[in-house]
Each structure stands twice: as C-alpha cells, then as structure tokens.
C-alpha cells in the first residue's frame, strides 16, 4: 500500500470522526457521548487501515466491513435517539403521521 493511500485513509478517518462528533452533539444521542462515537469511528477505521497495511493479502470486503462498522453503529444509535422508544405501529409506514389519512378505503 502506498504512502499516499495511507495518508488519504488517515485524513478520511479524521474527517469522518469530526462529522460523527458534530452530528452527535447536534442530535444528542442517548447512548454514550459524542467523543465515544467519534472514537469508535477512529478505532474501526484505524483497525482497517492497520489490517490493510500489515496484511497485504487481507480480503477487501473484510476491510470495508471493518471500516463501515463504526459509522454504521452510530447511524443506528442516531436513528434510535431521534425516533424514541415508542412502540412500533405495524399499520403505518414510517413516513406517515398518526393523524394523517383517517379515511377508510
């Protein structure tokens, strides 16, 4: 792996962590702190960069899954924080409001 690729990966990691931190502060996630979520992104991206550097024959899908793990977990927690702990209503789509269409078809 070239030094340029490593540098771009490091910059992308820092940018992703900064975006997660900023969004976590804005949304106010329920579980953990913004620093914890940004650290998780840095940890998973750093682990994937380290794996790619130290194990040149590592399969690319595995590296990509490891890279996406931190942001994916944050997005799931963000969605849960925004929509609350209300019980799911199987008769409504998420985009429909409860007071939306009351007409019988």
PDB file of N, CA and C in Angstrom:
ATOM      1  N   UNK A   1       0.860  -1.164   0.000  1.00  0.00           N
ATOM      2  CA  UNK A   1       0.000   0.000   0.000  1.00  0.00           C
ATOM      3  C   UNK A   1       0.909   1.231   0.000  1.00  0.00           C
ATOM      4  N   UNK A   2       0.571   2.186  -0.808  1.00  0.00           N
ATOM      5  CA  UNK A   2       1.426   3.364  -0.955  1.00  0.00           C
ATOM      6  C   UNK A   2       1.227   4.348   0.204  1.00  0.00           C
ATOM      7  N   UNK A   3       2.213   5.185   0.446  1.00  0.00           N
ATOM      8  CA  UNK A   3       2.069   6.208   1.493  1.00  0.00           C
ATOM      9  C   UNK A   3       0.928   7.184   1.198  1.00  0.00           C
ATOM     10  N   UNK A   4       0.666   7.433  -0.078  1.00  0.00           N
ATOM     11  CA  UNK A   4      -0.436   8.326  -0.434  1.00  0.00           C
ATOM     12  C   UNK A   4      -1.780   7.729   0.002  1.00  0.00           C
ATOM     13  N   UNK A   5      -1.938   6.442  -0.228  1.00  0.00           N
ATOM     14  CA  UNK A   5      -3.175   5.774   0.181  1.00  0.00           C
ATOM     15  C   UNK A   5      -3.343   5.825   1.690  1.00  0.00           C
ATOM     16  N   UNK A   6      -2.262   5.618   2.409  1.00  0.00           N
ATOM     17  CA  UNK A   6      -2.306   5.674   3.869  1.00  0.00           C
ATOM     18  C   UNK A   6      -2.661   7.079   4.351  1.00  0.00           C
ATOM     19  N   UNK A   7      -2.082   8.089   3.717  1.00  0.00           N
ATOM     20  CA  UNK A   7      -2.374   9.469   4.102  1.00  0.00           C
ATOM     21  C   UNK A   7      -3.833   9.824   3.819  1.00  0.00           C
ATOM     22  N   UNK A   8      -4.335   9.414   2.662  1.00  0.00           N
ATOM     23  CA  UNK A   8      -5.741   9.693   2.321  1.00  0.00           C
ATOM     24  C   UNK A   8      -6.669   8.974   3.296  1.00  0.00           C
ATOM     25  N   UNK A   9      -6.327   7.727   3.650  1.00  0.00           N
ATOM     26  CA  UNK A   9      -7.131   6.987   4.625  1.00  0.00           C
ATOM     27  C   UNK A   9      -7.127   7.653   5.990  1.00  0.00           C
ATOM     28  N   UNK A  10      -5.975   8.174   6.403  1.00  0.00           N
ATOM     29  CA  UNK A  10      -5.894   8.877   7.687  1.00  0.00           C
ATOM     30  C   UNK A  10      -6.711  10.149   7.702  1.00  0.00           C
ATOM     31  N   UNK A  11      -6.637  10.911   6.606  1.00  0.00           N
ATOM     32  CA  UNK A  11      -7.426  12.152   6.513  1.00  0.00           C
ATOM     33  C   UNK A  11      -8.920  11.830   6.487  1.00  0.00           C
ATOM     34  N   UNK A  12      -9.299  10.789   5.739  1.00  0.00           N
ATOM     35  CA  UNK A  12     -10.710  10.397   5.677  1.00  0.00           C
ATOM     36  C   UNK A  12     -11.212   9.951   7.053  1.00  0.00           C
ATOM     37  N   UNK A  13     -10.363   9.286   7.816  1.00  0.00           N
ATOM     38  CA  UNK A  13     -10.734   8.865   9.163  1.00  0.00           C
ATOM     39  C   UNK A  13     -10.992  10.067  10.069  1.00  0.00           C
ATOM     40  N   UNK A  14     -10.104  11.041  10.008  1.00  0.00           N
ATOM     41  CA  UNK A  14     -10.264  12.244  10.840  1.00  0.00           C
ATOM     42  C   UNK A  14     -11.523  13.013  10.443  1.00  0.00           C
ATOM     43  N   UNK A  15     -11.770  13.131   9.147  1.00  0.00           N
ATOM     44  CA  UNK A  15     -12.963  13.846   8.675  1.00  0.00           C
ATOM     45  C   UNK A  15     -14.234  13.110   9.107  1.00  0.00           C
ATOM     46  N   UNK A  16     -14.256  11.788   8.963  1.00  0.00           N
ATOM     47  CA  UNK A  16     -15.435  11.013   9.370  1.00  0.00           C
ATOM     48  C   UNK A  16     -15.684  11.135  10.869  1.00  0.00           C
ATOM     49  N   UNK A  17     -14.624  11.083  11.665  1.00  0.00           N
ATOM     50  CA  UNK A  17     -14.778  11.220  13.117  1.00  0.00           C
ATOM     51  C   UNK A  17     -15.287  12.610  13.481  1.00  0.00           C
ATOM     52  N   UNK A  18     -14.794  13.636  12.799  1.00  0.00           N
ATOM     53  CA  UNK A  18     -15.258  15.002  13.069  1.00  0.00           C
ATOM     54  C   UNK A  18     -16.734  15.158  12.706  1.00  0.00           C
ATOM     55  N   UNK A  19     -17.153  14.567  11.588  1.00  0.00           N
ATOM     56  CA  UNK A  19     -18.565  14.646  11.198  1.00  0.00           C
ATOM     57  C   UNK A  19     -19.464  13.894  12.182  1.00  0.00           C
ATOM     58  N   UNK A  20     -19.019  12.736  12.640  1.00  0.00           N
ATOM     59  CA  UNK A  20     -19.801  11.980  13.620  1.00  0.00           C
ATOM     60  C   UNK A  20     -19.895  12.762  14.928  1.00  0.00           C
ATOM     61  N   UNK A  21     -18.794  13.331  15.378  1.00  0.00           N
ATOM     62  CA  UNK A  21     -18.801  14.121  16.610  1.00  0.00           C
ATOM     63  C   UNK A  21     -19.766  15.303  16.488  1.00  0.00           C
ATOM     64  N   UNK A  22     -19.678  16.027  15.382  1.00  0.00           N
ATOM     65  CA  UNK A  22     -20.544  17.201  15.177  1.00  0.00           C
ATOM     66  C   UNK A  22     -22.020  16.803  15.166  1.00  0.00           C
ATOM     67  N   UNK A  23     -22.325  15.711  14.457  1.00  0.00           N
ATOM     68  CA  UNK A  23     -23.711  15.275  14.377  1.00  0.00           C
ATOM     69  C   UNK A  23     -24.204  14.752  15.724  1.00  0.00           C
ATOM     70  N   UNK A  24     -23.347  14.053  16.463  1.00  0.00           N
ATOM     71  CA  UNK A  24     -23.758  13.530  17.768  1.00  0.00           C
ATOM     72  C   UNK A  24     -24.036  14.659  18.753  1.00  0.00           C
ATOM     73  N   UNK A  25     -23.271  15.746  18.668  1.00  0.00           N
ATOM     74  CA  UNK A  25     -23.537  16.915  19.518  1.00  0.00           C
ATOM     75  C   UNK A  25     -24.864  17.548  19.128  1.00  0.00           C
ATOM     76  N   UNK A  26     -25.114  17.663  17.828  1.00  0.00           N
ATOM     77  CA  UNK A  26     -26.337  18.302  17.337  1.00  0.00           C
ATOM     78  C   UNK A  26     -27.580  17.484  17.679  1.00  0.00           C
ATOM     79  N   UNK A  27     -27.510  16.173  17.470  1.00  0.00           N
ATOM     80  CA  UNK A  27     -28.672  15.307  17.698  1.00  0.00           C
ATOM     81  C   UNK A  27     -28.859  15.016  19.176  1.00  0.00           C
ATOM     82  N   UNK A  28     -27.764  14.835  19.893  1.00  0.00           N
ATOM     83  CA  UNK A  28     -27.859  14.462  21.304  1.00  0.00           C
ATOM     84  C   UNK A  28     -28.184  12.997  21.458  1.00  0.00           C
ATOM     85  N   UNK A  29     -27.284  12.139  21.024  1.00  0.00           N
ATOM     86  CA  UNK A  29     -27.540  10.697  21.087  1.00  0.00           C
ATOM     87  C   UNK A  29     -27.744  10.248  22.528  1.00  0.00           C
ATOM     88  N   UNK A  30     -28.602   9.246  22.687  1.00  0.00           N
ATOM     89  CA  UNK A  30     -28.965   8.769  24.023  1.00  0.00           C
ATOM     90  C   UNK A  30     -27.853   7.949  24.671  1.00  0.00           C
ATOM     91  N   UNK A  31     -27.226   7.104  23.918  1.00  0.00           N
ATOM     92  CA  UNK A  31     -26.233   6.173  24.464  1.00  0.00           C
ATOM     93  C   UNK A  31     -24.829   6.699  24.202  1.00  0.00           C
ATOM     94  N   UNK A  32     -24.047   6.858  25.241  1.00  0.00           N
ATOM     95  CA  UNK A  32     -22.670   7.314  25.073  1.00  0.00           C
ATOM     96  C   UNK A  32     -22.579   8.816  24.866  1.00  0.00           C
ATOM     97  N   UNK A  33     -21.361   9.251  24.583  1.00  0.00           N
ATOM     98  CA  UNK A  33     -21.121  10.674  24.354  1.00  0.00           C
ATOM     99  C   UNK A  33     -20.610  10.864  22.929  1.00  0.00           C
ATOM    100  N   UNK A  34     -20.627  12.097  22.428  1.00  0.00           N
ATOM    101  CA  UNK A  34     -20.084  12.343  21.092  1.00  0.00           C
ATOM    102  C   UNK A  34     -18.626  11.922  20.952  1.00  0.00           C
ATOM    103  N   UNK A  35     -17.839  12.097  22.011  1.00  0.00           N
ATOM    104  CA  UNK A  35     -16.432  11.688  21.956  1.00  0.00           C
ATOM    105  C   UNK A  35     -16.328  10.169  21.811  1.00  0.00           C
ATOM    106  N   UNK A  36     -17.202   9.428  22.491  1.00  0.00           N
ATOM    107  CA  UNK A  36     -17.197   7.976  22.400  1.00  0.00           C
ATOM    108  C   UNK A  36     -17.513   7.514  20.976  1.00  0.00           C
ATOM    109  N   UNK A  37     -18.496   8.122  20.335  1.00  0.00           N
ATOM    110  CA  UNK A  37     -18.864   7.727  18.982  1.00  0.00           C
ATOM    111  C   UNK A  37     -17.772   8.088  17.981  1.00  0.00           C
ATOM    112  N   UNK A  38     -17.162   9.252  18.141  1.00  0.00           N
ATOM    113  CA  UNK A  38     -16.054   9.624  17.256  1.00  0.00           C
ATOM    114  C   UNK A  38     -14.874   8.686  17.467  1.00  0.00           C
ATOM    115  N   UNK A  39     -14.636   8.295  18.700  1.00  0.00           N
ATOM    116  CA  UNK A  39     -13.548   7.355  18.992  1.00  0.00           C
ATOM    117  C   UNK A  39     -13.806   5.991  18.372  1.00  0.00           C
ATOM    118  N   UNK A  40     -15.050   5.554  18.368  1.00  0.00           N
ATOM    119  CA  UNK A  40     -15.393   4.279  17.740  1.00  0.00           C
ATOM    120  C   UNK A  40     -15.116   4.325  16.241  1.00  0.00           C
ATOM    121  N   UNK A  41     -15.440   5.440  15.610  1.00  0.00           N
ATOM    122  CA  UNK A  41     -15.158   5.593  14.176  1.00  0.00           C
ATOM    123  C   UNK A  41     -13.655   5.547  13.927  1.00  0.00           C
ATOM    124  N   UNK A  42     -12.883   6.249  14.749  1.00  0.00           N
ATOM    125  CA  UNK A  42     -11.422   6.243  14.598  1.00  0.00           C
ATOM    126  C   UNK A  42     -10.877   4.839  14.837  1.00  0.00           C
ATOM    127  N   UNK A  43     -11.400   4.144  15.846  1.00  0.00           N
ATOM    128  CA  UNK A  43     -10.929   2.800  16.165  1.00  0.00           C
ATOM    129  C   UNK A  43     -11.173   1.823  15.017  1.00  0.00           C
ATOM    130  N   UNK A  44     -12.389   1.811  14.478  1.00  0.00           N
ATOM    131  CA  UNK A  44     -12.689   0.851  13.413  1.00  0.00           C
ATOM    132  C   UNK A  44     -11.951   1.204  12.122  1.00  0.00           C
ATOM    133  N   UNK A  45     -11.874   2.484  11.798  1.00  0.00           N
ATOM    134  CA  UNK A  45     -11.143   2.875  10.585  1.00  0.00           C
ATOM    135  C   UNK A  45      -9.647   2.632  10.750  1.00  0.00           C
ATOM    136  N   UNK A  46      -9.137   2.915  11.932  1.00  0.00           N
ATOM    137  CA  UNK A  46      -7.725   2.657  12.192  1.00  0.00           C
ATOM    138  C   UNK A  46      -7.401   1.177  12.140  1.00  0.00           C
ATOM    139  N   UNK A  47      -8.294   0.348  12.657  1.00  0.00           N
ATOM    140  CA  UNK A  47      -8.080  -1.101  12.605  1.00  0.00           C
ATOM    141  C   UNK A  47      -8.082  -1.596  11.164  1.00  0.00           C
ATOM    142  N   UNK A  48      -8.952  -1.037  10.337  1.00  0.00           N
ATOM    143  CA  UNK A  48      -8.979  -1.471   8.943  1.00  0.00           C
ATOM    144  C   UNK A  48      -7.739  -0.984   8.183  1.00  0.00           C
ATOM    145  N   UNK A  49      -7.277   0.240   8.471  1.00  0.00           N
ATOM    146  CA  UNK A  49      -6.040   0.716   7.847  1.00  0.00           C
ATOM    147  C   UNK A  49      -4.851  -0.129   8.289  1.00  0.00           C
ATOM    148  N   UNK A  50      -4.792  -0.446   9.563  1.00  0.00           N
ATOM    149  CA  UNK A  50      -3.698  -1.277  10.071  1.00  0.00           C
ATOM    150  C   UNK A  50      -3.730  -2.667   9.448  1.00  0.00           C
ATOM    151  N   UNK A  51      -4.920  -3.238   9.323  1.00  0.00           N
ATOM    152  CA  UNK A  51      -5.049  -4.553   8.694  1.00  0.00           C
ATOM    153  C   UNK A  51      -4.598  -4.501   7.239  1.00  0.00           C
ATOM    154  N   UNK A  52      -5.006  -3.460   6.531  1.00  0.00           N
ATOM    155  CA  UNK A  52      -4.610  -3.344   5.125  1.00  0.00           C
ATOM    156  C   UNK A  52      -3.101  -3.166   4.980  1.00  0.00           C
ATOM    157  N   UNK A  53      -2.478  -2.467   5.920  1.00  0.00           N
ATOM    158  CA  UNK A  53      -1.028  -2.259   5.855  1.00  0.00           C
ATOM    159  C   UNK A  53      -0.238  -3.507   6.242  1.00  0.00           C
ATOM    160  N   UNK A  54      -0.662  -4.175   7.303  1.00  0.00           N
ATOM    161  CA  UNK A  54       0.108  -5.300   7.817  1.00  0.00           C
ATOM    162  C   UNK A  54      -0.196  -6.632   7.144  1.00  0.00           C
ATOM    163  N   UNK A  55      -1.388  -6.751   6.577  1.00  0.00           N
ATOM    164  CA  UNK A  55      -1.777  -7.998   5.911  1.00  0.00           C
ATOM    165  C   UNK A  55      -2.160  -7.658   4.469  1.00  0.00           C
ATOM    166  N   UNK A  56      -1.175  -7.638   3.580  1.00  0.00           N
ATOM    167  CA  UNK A  56      -1.467  -7.226   2.200  1.00  0.00           C
ATOM    168  C   UNK A  56      -2.461  -8.140   1.482  1.00  0.00           C
ATOM    169  N   UNK A  57      -2.570  -9.397   1.908  1.00  0.00           N
ATOM    170  CA  UNK A  57      -3.497 -10.327   1.267  1.00  0.00           C
ATOM    171  C   UNK A  57      -4.864 -10.366   1.939  1.00  0.00           C
ATOM    172  N   UNK A  58      -5.133  -9.440   2.838  1.00  0.00           N
ATOM    173  CA  UNK A  58      -6.429  -9.409   3.518  1.00  0.00           C
ATOM    174  C   UNK A  58      -7.527  -9.127   2.485  1.00  0.00           C
ATOM    175  N   UNK A  59      -8.643  -9.828   2.593  1.00  0.00           N
ATOM    176  CA  UNK A  59      -9.712  -9.614   1.608  1.00  0.00           C
ATOM    177  C   UNK A  59     -10.324  -8.216   1.757  1.00  0.00           C
ATOM    178  N   UNK A  60     -10.506  -7.555   0.637  1.00  0.00           N
ATOM    179  CA  UNK A  60     -11.050  -6.199   0.627  1.00  0.00           C
ATOM    180  C   UNK A  60     -12.443  -6.106   1.255  1.00  0.00           C
ATOM    181  N   UNK A  61     -13.360  -7.066   1.003  1.00  0.00           N
ATOM    182  CA  UNK A  61     -14.673  -6.960   1.669  1.00  0.00           C
ATOM    183  C   UNK A  61     -14.573  -6.930   3.192  1.00  0.00           C
ATOM    184  N   UNK A  62     -13.667  -7.693   3.759  1.00  0.00           N
ATOM    185  CA  UNK A  62     -13.496  -7.682   5.208  1.00  0.00           C
ATOM    186  C   UNK A  62     -12.996  -6.346   5.716  1.00  0.00           C
ATOM    187  N   UNK A  63     -12.072  -5.755   4.982  1.00  0.00           N
ATOM    188  CA  UNK A  63     -11.555  -4.432   5.361  1.00  0.00           C
ATOM    189  C   UNK A  63     -12.654  -3.380   5.265  1.00  0.00           C
ATOM    190  N   UNK A  64     -13.465  -3.460   4.228  1.00  0.00           N
ATOM    191  CA  UNK A  64     -14.558  -2.490   4.063  1.00  0.00           C
ATOM    192  C   UNK A  64     -15.613  -2.646   5.150  1.00  0.00           C
ATOM    193  N   UNK A  65     -15.910  -3.879   5.545  1.00  0.00           N
ATOM    194  CA  UNK A  65     -16.879  -4.102   6.631  1.00  0.00           C
ATOM    195  C   UNK A  65     -16.346  -3.519   7.930  1.00  0.00           C
ATOM    196  N   UNK A  66     -15.082  -3.739   8.205  1.00  0.00           N
ATOM    197  CA  UNK A  66     -14.470  -3.193   9.415  1.00  0.00           C
ATOM    198  C   UNK A  66     -14.474  -1.669   9.391  1.00  0.00           C
ATOM    199  N   UNK A  67     -14.237  -1.082   8.230  1.00  0.00           N
ATOM    200  CA  UNK A  67     -14.251   0.374   8.090  1.00  0.00           C
ATOM    201  C   UNK A  67     -15.653   0.941   8.328  1.00  0.00           C
ATOM    202  N   UNK A  68     -16.659   0.267   7.822  1.00  0.00           N
ATOM    203  CA  UNK A  68     -18.034   0.771   7.915  1.00  0.00           C
ATOM    204  C   UNK A  68     -18.687   0.490   9.260  1.00  0.00           C
ATOM    205  N   UNK A  69     -18.078  -0.350  10.085  1.00  0.00           N
ATOM    206  CA  UNK A  69     -18.709  -0.754  11.342  1.00  0.00           C
ATOM    207  C   UNK A  69     -18.977   0.425  12.280  1.00  0.00           C
ATOM    208  N   UNK A  70     -17.997   1.298  12.500  1.00  0.00           N
ATOM    209  CA  UNK A  70     -18.168   2.428  13.410  1.00  0.00           C
ATOM    210  C   UNK A  70     -19.273   3.383  12.979  1.00  0.00           C
ATOM    211  N   UNK A  71     -19.216   3.893  11.728  1.00  0.00           N
ATOM    212  CA  UNK A  71     -20.294   4.783  11.278  1.00  0.00           C
ATOM    213  C   UNK A  71     -21.662   4.107  11.255  1.00  0.00           C
ATOM    214  N   UNK A  72     -21.699   2.821  10.913  1.00  0.00           N
ATOM    215  CA  UNK A  72     -22.982   2.116  10.881  1.00  0.00           C
ATOM    216  C   UNK A  72     -23.601   2.020  12.269  1.00  0.00           C
ATOM    217  N   UNK A  73     -22.806   1.664  13.261  1.00  0.00           N
ATOM    218  CA  UNK A  73     -23.336   1.606  14.625  1.00  0.00           C
ATOM    219  C   UNK A  73     -23.805   2.976  15.094  1.00  0.00           C
ATOM    220  N   UNK A  74     -23.073   4.025  14.718  1.00  0.00           N
ATOM    221  CA  UNK A  74     -23.504   5.375  15.095  1.00  0.00           C
ATOM    222  C   UNK A  74     -24.832   5.723  14.432  1.00  0.00           C
ATOM    223  N   UNK A  75     -24.984   5.413  13.154  1.00  0.00           N
ATOM    224  CA  UNK A  75     -26.231   5.743  12.454  1.00  0.00           C
ATOM    225  C   UNK A  75     -27.411   5.004  13.079  1.00  0.00           C
ATOM    226  N   UNK A  76     -27.205   3.752  13.481  1.00  0.00           N
ATOM    227  CA  UNK A  76     -28.290   3.010  14.137  1.00  0.00           C
ATOM    228  C   UNK A  76     -28.672   3.646  15.472  1.00  0.00           C
ATOM    229  N   UNK A  77     -27.687   4.058  16.265  1.00  0.00           N
ATOM    230  CA  UNK A  77     -27.978   4.706  17.544  1.00  0.00           C
ATOM    231  C   UNK A  77     -28.616   6.075  17.327  1.00  0.00           C
ATOM    232  N   UNK A  78     -28.174   6.784  16.308  1.00  0.00           N
ATOM    233  CA  UNK A  78     -28.747   8.103  15.988  1.00  0.00           C
ATOM    234  C   UNK A  78     -30.223   7.960  15.637  1.00  0.00           C
ATOM    235  N   UNK A  79     -30.545   6.970  14.814  1.00  0.00           N
ATOM    236  CA  UNK A  79     -31.934   6.749  14.422  1.00  0.00           C
ATOM    237  C   UNK A  79     -32.784   6.406  15.635  1.00  0.00           C
ATOM    238  N   UNK A  80     -32.260   5.580  16.522  1.00  0.00           N
ATOM    239  CA  UNK A  80     -32.993   5.222  17.736  1.00  0.00           C
ATOM    240  C   UNK A  80     -33.190   6.439  18.635  1.00  0.00           C
ATOM    241  N   UNK A  81     -32.186   7.304  18.721  1.00  0.00           N
ATOM    242  CA  UNK A  81     -32.294   8.507  19.555  1.00  0.00           C
ATOM    243  C   UNK A  81     -33.322   9.486  18.994  1.00  0.00           C
ATOM    244  N   UNK A  82     -33.400   9.565  17.684  1.00  0.00           N
ATOM    245  CA  UNK A  82     -34.315  10.529  17.062  1.00  0.00           C
ATOM    246  C   UNK A  82     -35.766  10.066  17.103  1.00  0.00           C
ATOM    247  N   UNK A  83     -35.996   8.762  17.005  1.00  0.00           N
ATOM    248  CA  UNK A  83     -37.370   8.266  16.947  1.00  0.00           C
ATOM    249  C   UNK A  83     -37.884   7.769  18.280  1.00  0.00           C
ATOM    250  N   UNK A  84     -37.048   7.756  19.285  1.00  0.00           N
ATOM    251  CA  UNK A  84     -37.507   7.424  20.629  1.00  0.00           C
ATOM    252  C   UNK A  84     -37.802   5.960  20.829  1.00  0.00           C
ATOM    253  N   UNK A  85     -38.410   5.680  21.961  1.00  0.00           N
ATOM    254  CA  UNK A  85     -38.716   4.309  22.346  1.00  0.00           C
ATOM    255  C   UNK A  85     -40.199   3.990  22.184  1.00  0.00           C
ATOM    256  N   UNK A  86     -40.893   4.724  21.329  1.00  0.00           N
ATOM    257  CA  UNK A  86     -42.310   4.454  21.107  1.00  0.00           C
ATOM    258  C   UNK A  86     -42.471   3.075  20.484  1.00  0.00           C
ATOM    259  N   UNK A  87     -43.537   2.375  20.846  1.00  0.00           N
ATOM    260  CA  UNK A  87     -43.748   1.065  20.230  1.00  0.00           C
ATOM    261  C   UNK A  87     -44.068   1.229  18.739  1.00  0.00           C
ATOM    262  N   UNK A  88     -43.610   0.283  17.967  1.00  0.00           N
ATOM    263  CA  UNK A  88     -43.838   0.335  16.521  1.00  0.00           C
ATOM    264  C   UNK A  88     -45.308   0.049  16.211  1.00  0.00           C
ATOM    265  N   UNK A  89     -45.854   0.764  15.229  1.00  0.00           N
ATOM    266  CA  UNK A  89     -47.218   0.541  14.769  1.00  0.00           C
ATOM    267  C   UNK A  89     -47.131  -0.154  13.412  1.00  0.00           C
ATOM    268  N   UNK A  90     -47.483  -1.430  13.338  1.00  0.00           N
ATOM    269  CA  UNK A  90     -47.324  -2.161  12.086  1.00  0.00           C
ATOM    270  C   UNK A  90     -48.291  -1.739  10.989  1.00  0.00           C
ATOM    271  N   UNK A  91     -49.275  -0.883  11.306  1.00  0.00           N
ATOM    272  CA  UNK A  91     -50.236  -0.464  10.293  1.00  0.00           C
ATOM    273  C   UNK A  91     -49.834   0.820   9.592  1.00  0.00           C
ATOM    274  N   UNK A  92     -48.761   1.484  10.030  1.00  0.00           N
ATOM    275  CA  UNK A  92     -48.330   2.741   9.437  1.00  0.00           C
ATOM    276  C   UNK A  92     -46.920   2.632   8.892  1.00  0.00           C
ATOM    277  N   UNK A  93     -46.687   3.311   7.785  1.00  0.00           N
ATOM    278  CA  UNK A  93     -45.340   3.455   7.275  1.00  0.00           C
ATOM    279  C   UNK A  93     -44.621   4.518   8.093  1.00  0.00           C
ATOM    280  N   UNK A  94     -43.297   4.474   8.165  1.00  0.00           N
ATOM    281  CA  UNK A  94     -42.574   5.479   8.956  1.00  0.00           C
ATOM    282  C   UNK A  94     -42.811   6.907   8.475  1.00  0.00           C
ATOM    283  N   UNK A  95     -43.089   7.099   7.197  1.00  0.00           N
ATOM    284  CA  UNK A  95     -43.286   8.445   6.675  1.00  0.00           C
ATOM    285  C   UNK A  95     -44.691   8.987   6.945  1.00  0.00           C
ATOM    286  N   UNK A  96     -45.618   8.141   7.342  1.00  0.00           N
ATOM    287  CA  UNK A  96     -46.980   8.591   7.606  1.00  0.00           C
ATOM    288  C   UNK A  96     -47.103   9.062   9.041  1.00  0.00           C
ATOM    289  N   UNK A  97     -47.883  10.110   9.235  1.00  0.00           N
ATOM    290  CA  UNK A  97     -48.144  10.567  10.611  1.00  0.00           C
ATOM    291  C   UNK A  97     -49.358   9.838  11.145  1.00  0.00           C
ATOM    292  N   UNK A  98     -49.501   9.846  12.462  1.00  0.00           N
ATOM    293  CA  UNK A  98     -50.632   9.152  13.071  1.00  0.00           C
ATOM    294  C   UNK A  98     -51.959   9.843  12.783  1.00  0.00           C
ATOM    295  N   UNK A  99     -51.897  11.150  12.547  1.00  0.00           N
ATOM    296  CA  UNK A  99     -53.136  11.888  12.273  1.00  0.00           C
ATOM    297  C   UNK A  99     -53.331  12.100  10.782  1.00  0.00           C
ATOM    298  N   UNK A 100     -52.566  11.411   9.962  1.00  0.00           N
ATOM    299  CA  UNK A 100     -52.571  11.590   8.500  1.00  0.00           C
ATOM    300  C   UNK A 100     -53.873  11.178   7.858  1.00  0.00           C
ATOM    301  N   UNK A 101     -53.900  10.056   7.225  1.00  0.00           N
ATOM    302  CA  UNK A 101     -55.076   9.588   6.479  1.00  0.00           C
ATOM    303  C   UNK A 101     -55.965   8.761   7.387  1.00  0.00           C
ATOM    304  N   UNK A 102     -57.117   9.319   7.715  1.00  0.00           N
ATOM    305  CA  UNK A 102     -58.084   8.602   8.533  1.00  0.00           C
ATOM    306  C   UNK A 102     -59.225   8.042   7.698  1.00  0.00           C
ATOM    307  N   UNK A 103     -59.130   8.169   6.375  1.00  0.00           N
ATOM    308  CA  UNK A 103     -60.206   7.714   5.516  1.00  0.00           C
ATOM    309  C   UNK A 103     -60.159   6.202   5.380  1.00  0.00           C
ATOM    310  N   UNK A 104     -61.323   5.579   5.355  1.00  0.00           N
ATOM    311  CA  UNK A 104     -61.423   4.140   5.154  1.00  0.00           C
ATOM    312  C   UNK A 104     -61.482   3.866   3.666  1.00  0.00           C
ATOM    313  N   UNK A 105     -60.719   2.889   3.242  1.00  0.00           N
ATOM    314  CA  UNK A 105     -60.711   2.563   1.801  1.00  0.00           C
ATOM    315  C   UNK A 105     -61.397   1.261   1.553  1.00  0.00           C
TER     316      UNK A 105
END
